[in-house]
Amino acid sequence: MSYKITFKIITKAIVFYSYLWYNLLIFTLSLAFHLPNTQIMIFHIPAVSPGIFKNGYWEKAR
């Protein structure tokens, strides 16, 4: 019983960290190239967390 619970927790953590890493990668790439590109913006929409929208990054990038 406890084995299943720990397995669930580990998988959730792995998914969460990979999601964060993916966001960070896209964010740094878009900042590095300074491209107000429609492709990068479309790429950002599903991946980026809502905190960046609140910080006004979206307005700056546009």
C-alpha atoms as a PDB file:
ATOM      1  CA  MET A   1       0.000   0.000   0.000  1.00  0.00           C
ATOM      2  CA  SER A   2       2.681   2.499   0.981  1.00  0.00           C
ATOM      3  CA  TYR A   3       4.708   1.543  -2.095  1.00  0.00           C
ATOM      4  CA  LYS A   4       1.914   2.677  -4.413  1.00  0.00           C
ATOM      5  CA  ILE A   5       1.581   5.985  -2.595  1.00  0.00           C
ATOM      6  CA  THR A   6       5.294   6.742  -2.840  1.00  0.00           C
ATOM      7  CA  PHE A   7       5.274   5.805  -6.512  1.00  0.00           C
ATOM      8  CA  LYS A   8       2.430   8.270  -7.160  1.00  0.00           C
ATOM      9  CA  ILE A   9       4.288  11.026  -5.327  1.00  0.00           C
ATOM     10  CA  ILE A  10       7.501  10.361  -7.255  1.00  0.00           C
ATOM     11  CA  THR A  11       5.754  10.398 -10.626  1.00  0.00           C
ATOM     12  CA  LYS A  12       3.948  13.633  -9.752  1.00  0.00           C
ATOM     13  CA  ALA A  13       7.240  15.246  -8.742  1.00  0.00           C
ATOM     14  CA  ILE A  14       8.955  14.125 -11.947  1.00  0.00           C
ATOM     15  CA  VAL A  15       6.123  15.470 -14.106  1.00  0.00           C
ATOM     16  CA  PHE A  16       6.080  18.759 -12.196  1.00  0.00           C
ATOM     17  CA  TYR A  17       9.834  19.302 -12.473  1.00  0.00           C
ATOM     18  CA  SER A  18       9.931  18.386 -16.149  1.00  0.00           C
ATOM     19  CA  TYR A  19       7.093  20.866 -16.775  1.00  0.00           C
ATOM     20  CA  LEU A  20       9.024  23.596 -14.945  1.00  0.00           C
ATOM     21  CA  TRP A  21      12.202  22.757 -16.841  1.00  0.00           C
ATOM     22  CA  TYR A  22      10.306  22.934 -20.161  1.00  0.00           C
ATOM     23  CA  ASN A  23       8.918  26.361 -19.244  1.00  0.00           C
ATOM     24  CA  LEU A  24      12.345  27.590 -18.218  1.00  0.00           C
ATOM     25  CA  LEU A  25      13.914  26.339 -21.436  1.00  0.00           C
ATOM     26  CA  ILE A  26      11.374  28.080 -23.671  1.00  0.00           C
ATOM     27  CA  PHE A  27      11.539  31.243 -21.581  1.00  0.00           C
ATOM     28  CA  THR A  28      15.336  31.449 -21.745  1.00  0.00           C
ATOM     29  CA  LEU A  29      15.379  30.660 -25.452  1.00  0.00           C
ATOM     30  CA  SER A  30      12.881  33.408 -26.252  1.00  0.00           C
ATOM     31  CA  LEU A  31      14.803  35.870 -24.087  1.00  0.00           C
ATOM     32  CA  ALA A  32      18.153  34.870 -25.567  1.00  0.00           C
ATOM     33  CA  PHE A  33      17.102  35.425 -29.165  1.00  0.00           C
ATOM     34  CA  HIS A  34      14.939  38.493 -28.416  1.00  0.00           C
ATOM     35  CA  LEU A  35      12.470  37.382 -31.040  1.00  0.00           C
ATOM     36  CA  PRO A  36       8.995  38.899 -30.822  1.00  0.00           C
ATOM     37  CA  ASN A  37       8.177  36.019 -33.092  1.00  0.00           C
ATOM     38  CA  THR A  38       4.688  34.626 -33.586  1.00  0.00           C
ATOM     39  CA  GLN A  39       6.088  31.105 -33.451  1.00  0.00           C
ATOM     40  CA  ILE A  40       7.596  31.655 -30.020  1.00  0.00           C
ATOM     41  CA  MET A  41       4.407  33.315 -28.787  1.00  0.00           C
ATOM     42  CA  ILE A  42       2.307  30.396 -30.000  1.00  0.00           C
ATOM     43  CA  PHE A  43       4.856  28.110 -28.360  1.00  0.00           C
ATOM     44  CA  HIS A  44       4.529  30.045 -25.114  1.00  0.00           C
ATOM     45  CA  ILE A  45       0.743  29.836 -24.793  1.00  0.00           C
ATOM     46  CA  PRO A  46       0.362  26.174 -23.740  1.00  0.00           C
ATOM     47  CA  ALA A  47       3.633  25.968 -21.847  1.00  0.00           C
ATOM     48  CA  VAL A  48       3.925  29.111 -19.769  1.00  0.00           C
ATOM     49  CA  SER A  49       2.546  29.459 -16.275  1.00  0.00           C
ATOM     50  CA  PRO A  50       0.104  32.309 -15.562  1.00  0.00           C
ATOM     51  CA  GLY A  51       2.638  34.069 -13.314  1.00  0.00           C
ATOM     52  CA  ILE A  52       4.564  35.366 -16.314  1.00  0.00           C
ATOM     53  CA  PHE A  53       1.388  36.883 -17.746  1.00  0.00           C
ATOM     54  CA  LYS A  54       0.827  38.679 -14.437  1.00  0.00           C
ATOM     55  CA  ASN A  55       4.395  39.970 -14.444  1.00  0.00           C
ATOM     56  CA  GLY A  56       3.772  41.675 -17.765  1.00  0.00           C
ATOM     57  CA  TYR A  57       6.217  39.582 -19.752  1.00  0.00           C
ATOM     58  CA  TRP A  58       3.563  39.009 -22.400  1.00  0.00           C
ATOM     59  CA  GLU A  59       3.171  42.759 -22.999  1.00  0.00           C
ATOM     60  CA  LYS A  60       6.936  43.251 -23.199  1.00  0.00           C
ATOM     61  CA  ALA A  61       7.387  40.345 -25.575  1.00  0.00           C
ATOM     62  CA  ARG A  62       4.642  41.528 -27.869  1.00  0.00           C
END
